[in-house]
Structures are given as C-alpha cells and as structure tokens.
Amino acid sequence: MDVIDLFEEISAPRRGGRRPARREAAAGAAPIEVEDAVAVVLAEIDEIAKATFRSITLATMLKLVARRRK
C-alpha cells in the first residue's frame, strides 16, 4: 500500500461545488439520492480494495511473480 500511495492518490476525490437542480428519476427516486447511494457503494468498494492491498506485502507479490514464471 505504501508503494501505491507514492504513485497514486488512494482516496476518492471529494466532490465540490453545488449540486445540479433536483429532478425526479424514472423510478421515483430523486437523482441526488441515487447519486448518493452510488457514492456509498463506490466508497465501500474502495475500502475493500484498500484492505486487499494492505494485506499483500511486497514479499508476497514477489513470490506470486516467481510462481507465475515457473
């Protein structure tokens, strides 16, 4: 994770600015509510990915590379 952090921003950028005008979505939910729900799901996916990368050490990655070369 430290190596990834050196080269990439590992947290999702915060949205700024004002929100667009509120319109009704086809399913009856307001677009902002749908957008917020998608943001929650994406944040959960980001946390899962971060946990996965934290659990893999460089030594483990090098062993995986060595195994694939055989």
N, C-alpha and C. Protein backbone atom coordinates (compact mmCIF):
# COMPACT_ATOMS: atom_id res chain seq x y z
N MET A 1 0.83 -1.19 0.00
CA MET A 1 0.00 0.00 0.00
C MET A 1 0.88 1.26 0.00
N ASP A 2 2.02 1.17 0.67
CA ASP A 2 2.92 2.33 0.70
C ASP A 2 3.42 2.67 -0.70
N VAL A 3 3.71 1.64 -1.50
CA VAL A 3 4.19 1.86 -2.86
C VAL A 3 3.09 2.51 -3.71
N ILE A 4 1.88 2.00 -3.59
CA ILE A 4 0.76 2.58 -4.34
C ILE A 4 0.57 4.03 -3.94
N ASP A 5 0.65 4.30 -2.65
CA ASP A 5 0.47 5.65 -2.14
C ASP A 5 1.50 6.63 -2.69
N LEU A 6 2.69 6.13 -3.02
CA LEU A 6 3.72 7.00 -3.59
C LEU A 6 3.35 7.50 -4.99
N PHE A 7 2.62 6.68 -5.74
CA PHE A 7 2.35 6.99 -7.13
C PHE A 7 0.93 7.43 -7.44
N GLU A 8 0.01 7.12 -6.54
CA GLU A 8 -1.40 7.43 -6.80
C GLU A 8 -2.10 7.96 -5.57
N GLU A 9 -3.09 8.78 -5.80
CA GLU A 9 -3.98 9.22 -4.74
C GLU A 9 -4.90 8.05 -4.44
N ILE A 10 -4.87 7.53 -3.21
CA ILE A 10 -5.65 6.32 -2.93
C ILE A 10 -7.04 6.61 -2.39
N SER A 11 -7.35 7.84 -2.15
CA SER A 11 -8.71 8.14 -1.71
C SER A 11 -9.43 8.86 -2.84
N ALA A 12 -10.72 8.60 -2.92
CA ALA A 12 -11.52 9.23 -3.96
C ALA A 12 -11.59 10.73 -3.71
N PRO A 13 -11.50 11.51 -4.78
CA PRO A 13 -11.58 12.96 -4.59
C PRO A 13 -12.97 13.35 -4.09
N ARG A 14 -13.00 14.32 -3.22
CA ARG A 14 -14.28 14.82 -2.71
C ARG A 14 -14.94 15.68 -3.77
N ARG A 15 -16.23 15.51 -3.90
CA ARG A 15 -16.95 16.33 -4.87
C ARG A 15 -17.14 17.71 -4.28
N GLY A 16 -16.95 18.67 -5.11
CA GLY A 16 -17.13 20.04 -4.65
C GLY A 16 -18.17 20.75 -5.48
N GLY A 17 -18.38 21.98 -5.17
CA GLY A 17 -19.33 22.78 -5.95
C GLY A 17 -20.76 22.52 -5.55
N ARG A 18 -21.64 23.16 -6.27
CA ARG A 18 -23.05 23.00 -5.94
C ARG A 18 -23.65 21.84 -6.70
N ARG A 19 -24.72 21.32 -6.16
CA ARG A 19 -25.40 20.21 -6.81
C ARG A 19 -26.32 20.74 -7.90
N PRO A 20 -26.55 19.92 -8.94
CA PRO A 20 -27.46 20.34 -10.00
C PRO A 20 -28.89 20.40 -9.47
N ALA A 21 -29.75 21.05 -10.23
CA ALA A 21 -31.16 21.16 -9.84
C ALA A 21 -31.76 19.78 -9.64
N ARG A 22 -32.64 19.66 -8.68
CA ARG A 22 -33.24 18.37 -8.34
C ARG A 22 -34.32 18.02 -9.36
N ARG A 23 -34.18 16.82 -9.94
CA ARG A 23 -35.17 16.32 -10.91
C ARG A 23 -35.59 14.94 -10.45
N GLU A 24 -36.77 14.52 -10.83
CA GLU A 24 -37.25 13.19 -10.45
C GLU A 24 -36.70 12.14 -11.43
N ALA A 25 -36.23 11.02 -10.89
CA ALA A 25 -35.73 9.92 -11.70
C ALA A 25 -36.90 9.06 -12.15
N ALA A 26 -36.68 8.24 -13.16
CA ALA A 26 -37.74 7.40 -13.71
C ALA A 26 -38.35 6.47 -12.66
N ALA A 27 -37.55 5.95 -11.75
CA ALA A 27 -38.05 5.01 -10.74
C ALA A 27 -38.68 5.73 -9.56
N GLY A 28 -38.74 7.03 -9.57
CA GLY A 28 -39.35 7.77 -8.50
C GLY A 28 -38.37 8.33 -7.49
N ALA A 29 -37.13 7.88 -7.50
CA ALA A 29 -36.12 8.39 -6.58
C ALA A 29 -35.51 9.66 -7.17
N ALA A 30 -35.19 10.58 -6.30
CA ALA A 30 -34.55 11.81 -6.77
C ALA A 30 -33.13 11.47 -7.24
N PRO A 31 -32.65 12.09 -8.31
CA PRO A 31 -31.31 11.80 -8.82
C PRO A 31 -30.22 11.97 -7.77
N ILE A 32 -30.36 12.95 -6.89
CA ILE A 32 -29.34 13.17 -5.87
C ILE A 32 -29.29 11.98 -4.91
N GLU A 33 -30.44 11.42 -4.58
CA GLU A 33 -30.47 10.25 -3.69
C GLU A 33 -29.80 9.06 -4.36
N VAL A 34 -30.04 8.88 -5.65
CA VAL A 34 -29.41 7.78 -6.39
C VAL A 34 -27.90 8.02 -6.46
N GLU A 35 -27.52 9.24 -6.74
CA GLU A 35 -26.10 9.58 -6.81
C GLU A 35 -25.42 9.34 -5.47
N ASP A 36 -26.07 9.71 -4.39
CA ASP A 36 -25.51 9.48 -3.06
C ASP A 36 -25.38 8.00 -2.76
N ALA A 37 -26.37 7.20 -3.16
CA ALA A 37 -26.32 5.76 -2.93
C ALA A 37 -25.18 5.13 -3.71
N VAL A 38 -24.98 5.56 -4.95
CA VAL A 38 -23.87 5.04 -5.76
C VAL A 38 -22.54 5.43 -5.11
N ALA A 39 -22.45 6.64 -4.59
CA ALA A 39 -21.23 7.09 -3.92
C ALA A 39 -20.91 6.21 -2.71
N VAL A 40 -21.94 5.81 -1.96
CA VAL A 40 -21.73 4.94 -0.80
C VAL A 40 -21.19 3.58 -1.25
N VAL A 41 -21.78 3.03 -2.31
CA VAL A 41 -21.33 1.73 -2.82
C VAL A 41 -19.89 1.82 -3.31
N LEU A 42 -19.56 2.87 -4.04
CA LEU A 42 -18.20 3.04 -4.55
C LEU A 42 -17.20 3.21 -3.40
N ALA A 43 -17.60 3.90 -2.35
CA ALA A 43 -16.72 4.07 -1.19
C ALA A 43 -16.46 2.72 -0.52
N GLU A 44 -17.49 1.88 -0.45
CA GLU A 44 -17.31 0.54 0.13
C GLU A 44 -16.36 -0.30 -0.72
N ILE A 45 -16.50 -0.20 -2.04
CA ILE A 45 -15.59 -0.92 -2.94
C ILE A 45 -14.16 -0.43 -2.75
N ASP A 46 -13.98 0.88 -2.62
CA ASP A 46 -12.65 1.44 -2.38
C ASP A 46 -12.04 0.89 -1.10
N GLU A 47 -12.84 0.80 -0.04
CA GLU A 47 -12.34 0.29 1.24
C GLU A 47 -11.94 -1.18 1.13
N ILE A 48 -12.71 -1.96 0.38
CA ILE A 48 -12.37 -3.37 0.17
C ILE A 48 -11.05 -3.48 -0.60
N ALA A 49 -10.89 -2.67 -1.63
CA ALA A 49 -9.65 -2.70 -2.42
C ALA A 49 -8.46 -2.29 -1.56
N LYS A 50 -8.63 -1.26 -0.74
CA LYS A 50 -7.54 -0.82 0.13
C LYS A 50 -7.16 -1.92 1.12
N ALA A 51 -8.16 -2.57 1.70
CA ALA A 51 -7.88 -3.66 2.64
C ALA A 51 -7.13 -4.79 1.96
N THR A 52 -7.49 -5.09 0.72
CA THR A 52 -6.81 -6.14 -0.03
C THR A 52 -5.35 -5.76 -0.27
N PHE A 53 -5.11 -4.54 -0.72
CA PHE A 53 -3.74 -4.12 -0.97
C PHE A 53 -2.92 -4.06 0.31
N ARG A 54 -3.54 -3.69 1.43
CA ARG A 54 -2.82 -3.65 2.70
C ARG A 54 -2.42 -5.05 3.16
N SER A 55 -3.20 -6.04 2.75
CA SER A 55 -2.93 -7.40 3.21
C SER A 55 -1.84 -8.09 2.40
N ILE A 56 -1.43 -7.50 1.30
CA ILE A 56 -0.41 -8.09 0.44
C ILE A 56 0.90 -7.34 0.64
N THR A 57 1.93 -8.07 1.05
CA THR A 57 3.24 -7.44 1.22
C THR A 57 4.02 -7.52 -0.09
N LEU A 58 5.09 -6.77 -0.18
CA LEU A 58 5.94 -6.85 -1.36
C LEU A 58 6.54 -8.25 -1.50
N ALA A 59 6.88 -8.85 -0.39
CA ALA A 59 7.44 -10.20 -0.43
C ALA A 59 6.43 -11.18 -1.02
N THR A 60 5.17 -11.05 -0.62
CA THR A 60 4.13 -11.92 -1.16
C THR A 60 3.97 -11.70 -2.66
N MET A 61 3.98 -10.45 -3.09
CA MET A 61 3.85 -10.17 -4.52
C MET A 61 5.01 -10.77 -5.31
N LEU A 62 6.23 -10.66 -4.78
CA LEU A 62 7.39 -11.22 -5.47
C LEU A 62 7.31 -12.74 -5.55
N LYS A 63 6.78 -13.38 -4.52
CA LYS A 63 6.59 -14.83 -4.55
C LYS A 63 5.56 -15.21 -5.62
N LEU A 64 4.51 -14.43 -5.73
CA LEU A 64 3.50 -14.70 -6.77
C LEU A 64 4.10 -14.56 -8.17
N VAL A 65 4.92 -13.56 -8.36
CA VAL A 65 5.59 -13.36 -9.66
C VAL A 65 6.50 -14.53 -9.96
N ALA A 66 7.26 -14.98 -8.97
CA ALA A 66 8.17 -16.11 -9.15
C ALA A 66 7.41 -17.37 -9.51
N ARG A 67 6.28 -17.59 -8.85
CA ARG A 67 5.46 -18.79 -9.15
C ARG A 67 4.93 -18.77 -10.58
N ARG A 68 4.53 -17.60 -11.04
CA ARG A 68 3.99 -17.50 -12.40
C ARG A 68 5.05 -17.72 -13.46
N ARG A 69 6.28 -17.41 -13.14
CA ARG A 69 7.37 -17.58 -14.11
C ARG A 69 7.76 -19.05 -14.30
N LYS A 70 7.39 -19.91 -13.34
CA LYS A 70 7.76 -21.32 -13.42
C LYS A 70 6.94 -22.06 -14.42
